[in-house]
Amino acid sequence: MNKTSVPLTHDKVAILDGVVLTPSELALYQSGVEAGIEIGRRQVEDENRESHETAARVARMVAETVPFEELCRRRGEERRAEHQRRILQARGVIA
């Protein structure tokens, strides 16, 4: 006997904390679980793809912009440009 004290016969399967399901009910349950996993996997993949696409757009945009150091020089702010250059060197961004 299982937790629910229902005798098991050849057409019943006990699962899920004593809930008794027939083989067809079990198959439907398993199908639902698998479908839910697939839906969740697709959602995560879609979210990751969107995130990567956004990151790629931002990276392209940043790569195409004028560096802050150069903008400072154009405005005649040599001291500020030099300070920025030293920061980037210290952080290993430039040589």
Protein backbone atom coordinates (compact mmCIF):
# COMPACT_ATOMS: atom_id res chain seq x y z
CA MET A 1 0.00 0.00 0.00
CA ASN A 2 1.14 3.55 -0.66
CA LYS A 3 0.85 6.71 1.45
CA THR A 4 -2.83 7.17 0.59
CA SER A 5 -3.64 3.58 1.51
CA VAL A 6 -4.98 2.94 -1.97
CA PRO A 7 -3.97 -0.46 -3.22
CA LEU A 8 -1.98 -0.31 -6.44
CA THR A 9 -3.13 -2.44 -9.33
CA HIS A 10 -1.50 -2.99 -12.70
CA ASP A 11 -3.28 0.06 -14.16
CA LYS A 12 -2.20 2.58 -11.49
CA VAL A 13 1.12 4.18 -10.62
CA ALA A 14 1.79 6.02 -7.36
CA ILE A 15 3.89 9.18 -7.65
CA LEU A 16 4.13 12.73 -6.32
CA ASP A 17 3.83 12.33 -2.57
CA GLY A 18 1.26 9.60 -2.66
CA VAL A 19 -0.89 10.88 -5.50
CA VAL A 20 -2.04 7.91 -7.55
CA LEU A 21 -2.06 8.31 -11.30
CA THR A 22 -2.89 5.95 -14.12
CA PRO A 23 -0.23 5.44 -16.78
CA SER A 24 -2.09 7.79 -19.13
CA GLU A 25 -2.32 10.46 -16.38
CA LEU A 26 1.37 10.01 -15.68
CA ALA A 27 2.16 10.38 -19.39
CA LEU A 28 0.13 13.62 -19.54
CA TYR A 29 1.88 14.93 -16.44
CA GLN A 30 5.31 14.10 -17.85
CA SER A 31 4.36 15.69 -21.16
CA GLY A 32 3.32 18.87 -19.33
CA VAL A 33 6.56 18.97 -17.38
CA GLU A 34 8.60 18.51 -20.55
CA ALA A 35 6.58 21.19 -22.36
CA GLY A 36 7.10 23.59 -19.46
CA ILE A 37 10.84 22.96 -19.48
CA GLU A 38 10.96 23.58 -23.23
CA ILE A 39 8.97 26.81 -22.92
CA GLY A 40 11.29 28.00 -20.15
CA ARG A 41 14.39 27.09 -22.14
CA ARG A 42 13.12 29.02 -25.17
CA GLN A 43 12.33 32.02 -22.98
CA VAL A 44 15.84 32.04 -21.52
CA GLU A 45 17.38 31.69 -24.97
CA ASP A 46 15.27 34.58 -26.28
CA GLU A 47 16.22 36.77 -23.32
CA ASN A 48 19.90 35.90 -23.75
CA ARG A 49 19.75 36.62 -27.48
CA GLU A 50 18.14 40.02 -26.83
CA SER A 51 20.74 40.81 -24.18
CA HIS A 52 23.61 39.84 -26.49
CA GLU A 53 22.14 41.87 -29.35
CA THR A 54 21.86 44.92 -27.09
CA ALA A 55 25.43 44.44 -25.85
CA ALA A 56 26.68 44.15 -29.43
CA ARG A 57 24.88 47.38 -30.42
CA VAL A 58 26.37 49.21 -27.45
CA ALA A 59 29.86 47.85 -28.19
CA ARG A 60 29.63 48.98 -31.83
CA MET A 61 28.40 52.40 -30.74
CA VAL A 62 31.20 52.83 -28.22
CA ALA A 63 33.81 51.64 -30.72
CA GLU A 64 32.63 54.25 -33.21
CA THR A 65 32.72 57.21 -30.80
CA VAL A 66 35.58 59.61 -30.23
CA PRO A 67 37.57 58.78 -27.06
CA PHE A 68 37.02 61.10 -24.10
CA GLU A 69 40.71 62.03 -24.11
CA GLU A 70 40.39 63.28 -27.70
CA LEU A 71 37.25 65.25 -26.89
CA CYS A 72 39.11 66.96 -24.04
CA ARG A 73 41.98 67.87 -26.37
CA ARG A 74 39.53 69.30 -28.94
CA ARG A 75 38.08 71.53 -26.22
CA GLY A 76 41.55 72.65 -25.18
CA GLU A 77 41.47 70.74 -21.89
CA GLU A 78 44.94 69.23 -22.12
CA ARG A 79 45.21 68.62 -18.40
CA ARG A 80 41.94 66.71 -18.31
CA ALA A 81 42.94 64.73 -21.41
CA GLU A 82 46.24 63.75 -19.82
CA HIS A 83 44.46 62.73 -16.61
CA GLN A 84 42.12 60.49 -18.62
CA ARG A 85 45.07 58.97 -20.49
CA ARG A 86 46.82 58.13 -17.18
CA ILE A 87 43.65 56.52 -15.80
CA LEU A 88 43.28 54.33 -18.89
CA GLN A 89 46.96 53.34 -18.72
CA ALA A 90 46.72 52.48 -15.03
CA ARG A 91 43.70 50.27 -15.73
CA GLY A 92 45.43 48.54 -18.62
CA VAL A 93 43.01 49.84 -21.24
CA ILE A 94 45.77 51.50 -23.28
CA ALA A 95 49.52 51.01 -23.41
